[in-house]
Protein backbone atom coordinates (compact mmCIF):
# COMPACT_ATOMS: atom_id res chain seq x y z
CA MET A 1 13.65 -43.63 1.94
CA SER A 2 17.06 -43.05 3.46
CA GLU A 3 20.31 -42.90 1.53
CA GLU A 4 21.36 -46.15 3.13
CA SER A 5 18.42 -47.98 1.52
CA LEU A 6 19.25 -46.77 -2.01
CA PRO A 7 21.33 -48.94 -4.33
CA ARG A 8 24.99 -47.90 -4.42
CA ASP A 9 24.75 -46.45 -7.92
CA VAL A 10 21.67 -44.29 -7.17
CA HIS A 11 22.16 -40.95 -5.49
CA PRO A 12 19.28 -38.80 -4.24
CA GLU A 13 18.72 -35.49 -6.03
CA PRO A 14 19.66 -32.43 -4.03
CA PRO A 15 16.58 -30.78 -2.53
CA ASP A 16 16.95 -27.74 -4.83
CA ALA A 17 17.25 -29.79 -8.06
CA LEU A 18 14.63 -29.09 -10.72
CA PRO A 19 12.58 -31.95 -12.09
CA GLU A 20 13.86 -32.96 -15.52
CA TYR A 21 10.65 -31.86 -17.27
CA ALA A 22 10.88 -28.42 -15.65
CA GLU A 23 14.47 -28.02 -16.83
CA ARG A 24 13.39 -28.84 -20.39
CA VAL A 25 10.50 -26.33 -20.29
CA LEU A 26 12.82 -23.61 -19.01
CA GLU A 27 15.39 -24.41 -21.72
CA VAL A 28 12.76 -23.94 -24.43
CA THR A 29 11.65 -20.67 -22.83
CA GLU A 30 15.21 -19.35 -23.05
CA LEU A 31 15.31 -20.18 -26.79
CA ILE A 32 12.35 -17.94 -27.66
CA PRO A 33 13.74 -14.81 -29.34
CA PRO A 34 13.00 -11.36 -27.92
CA GLY A 35 9.80 -9.97 -29.41
CA ARG A 36 8.34 -13.43 -30.00
CA VAL A 37 6.16 -15.73 -27.87
CA MET A 38 5.08 -19.36 -27.64
CA THR A 39 1.93 -20.68 -26.03
CA TYR A 40 1.97 -23.18 -23.19
CA GLY A 41 0.73 -25.75 -25.71
CA ASP A 42 3.47 -24.82 -28.20
CA VAL A 43 6.12 -25.55 -25.59
CA ALA A 44 4.55 -28.92 -24.74
CA GLU A 45 4.35 -29.75 -28.45
CA TRP A 46 8.01 -28.76 -28.94
CA LEU A 47 8.99 -31.10 -26.11
CA GLU A 48 6.62 -33.82 -27.35
CA GLU A 49 5.63 -34.31 -23.73
CA GLY A 50 3.04 -32.97 -21.32
CA GLY A 51 0.44 -30.39 -22.18
CA PRO A 52 -0.39 -26.73 -21.63
CA ARG A 53 -1.31 -27.21 -17.98
CA GLN A 54 1.96 -28.96 -17.17
CA VAL A 55 3.95 -26.21 -18.89
CA GLY A 56 1.92 -23.56 -17.06
CA ARG A 57 2.61 -25.26 -13.74
CA VAL A 58 6.35 -25.35 -14.44
CA MET A 59 6.30 -21.66 -15.37
CA ALA A 60 4.35 -20.78 -12.21
CA LEU A 61 6.77 -22.66 -9.96
CA TYR A 62 10.14 -22.15 -11.67
CA GLY A 63 9.76 -19.57 -14.45
CA SER A 64 10.95 -16.44 -12.65
CA ALA A 65 14.60 -16.92 -13.72
CA VAL A 66 13.78 -17.09 -17.46
CA PRO A 67 11.91 -14.75 -19.83
CA TRP A 68 8.53 -15.98 -18.55
CA TRP A 69 6.57 -13.33 -20.47
CA ARG A 70 7.44 -15.13 -23.72
CA VAL A 71 5.26 -18.14 -22.77
CA MET A 72 1.59 -17.35 -22.62
CA ARG A 73 -2.02 -18.27 -23.31
CA ALA A 74 -3.05 -18.77 -26.93
CA ASP A 75 -5.50 -15.84 -26.80
CA GLY A 76 -2.70 -13.32 -26.20
CA VAL A 77 -4.07 -12.12 -22.86
CA LEU A 78 -1.36 -10.83 -20.53
CA LEU A 79 -0.59 -12.97 -17.47
CA PRO A 80 -3.06 -12.00 -14.72
CA GLY A 81 -1.31 -10.30 -11.83
CA HIS A 82 1.77 -9.58 -13.94
CA GLU A 83 0.20 -7.57 -16.77
CA LEU A 84 2.17 -4.36 -16.34
CA GLU A 85 5.51 -6.09 -15.89
CA ALA A 86 4.88 -8.26 -18.95
CA LEU A 87 3.69 -5.26 -20.96
CA GLY A 88 6.95 -3.46 -20.17
CA HIS A 89 8.92 -6.42 -21.50
CA TYR A 90 6.76 -6.69 -24.63
CA ARG A 91 7.17 -3.01 -25.40
CA SER A 92 10.93 -3.01 -24.81
CA GLU A 93 11.36 -6.10 -27.03
CA GLY A 94 9.06 -4.84 -29.78
CA THR A 95 6.57 -7.69 -29.40
CA PRO A 96 3.58 -7.07 -31.71
CA LEU A 97 0.56 -5.96 -29.66
CA LYS A 98 -3.11 -5.39 -30.36
CA GLU A 99 -4.23 -2.24 -28.61
CA ALA A 100 -7.19 -2.69 -26.31
CA SER A 101 -10.58 -1.32 -27.16
CA ARG A 102 -12.28 1.06 -24.74
CA ALA A 103 -14.57 -1.79 -23.74
CA ALA A 104 -11.66 -4.06 -22.78
CA GLU A 105 -11.30 -4.57 -19.07
CA GLY A 106 -8.35 -2.55 -17.78
CA HIS A 107 -7.71 -1.21 -21.29
CA LEU A 108 -4.71 -3.52 -21.59
CA PRO A 109 -3.49 -4.65 -24.99
CA ARG A 110 -3.07 -8.26 -25.96
CA VAL A 111 -0.16 -9.84 -27.75
CA ASP A 112 -0.86 -10.10 -31.48
CA MET A 113 -0.45 -13.86 -31.65
CA ARG A 114 -0.65 -14.00 -35.43
CA ARG A 115 2.49 -11.84 -35.70
CA ALA A 116 4.31 -12.63 -32.43
CA ARG A 117 3.98 -16.41 -32.23
CA TRP A 118 7.27 -18.24 -32.73
CA ASP A 119 7.14 -21.71 -34.20
CA GLY A 120 10.59 -22.68 -32.97
CA GLY A 121 11.79 -22.71 -36.56
CA GLU A 122 15.47 -22.54 -35.83
CA ARG A 123 15.78 -25.30 -33.27
CA ALA A 124 18.98 -25.13 -31.30
CA ASP A 125 21.62 -27.75 -32.11
CA GLY A 126 21.59 -30.54 -29.58
CA HIS A 127 18.22 -29.51 -28.10
CA THR A 128 16.07 -32.42 -27.00
């Protein structure tokens, strides 16, 4: 559709504009305090829209500019392919971890979800 065929009051989004849902997911990610995490499902529940897969897709496509390591799977497993980078962030922020057993693949810890999970208790004023 060309600009000429759009109604006068509708303007096309710039090519680099984020979809509205992605902007909302990234805003929630920025609210998560250092040392705390939310699951993909927690973020979707907070927004009352979408689900874990949609949030995960947003994070995969647009999450590099926000503290992406604070949004994760519910089992506390570190993001595959980014484990060491995420682990560095968790350690520097004091995120509660469960040390890996010798039998664990790669001997990488997991996030202690019981202690690290943030429920969004102090919602930001004006957040949608």
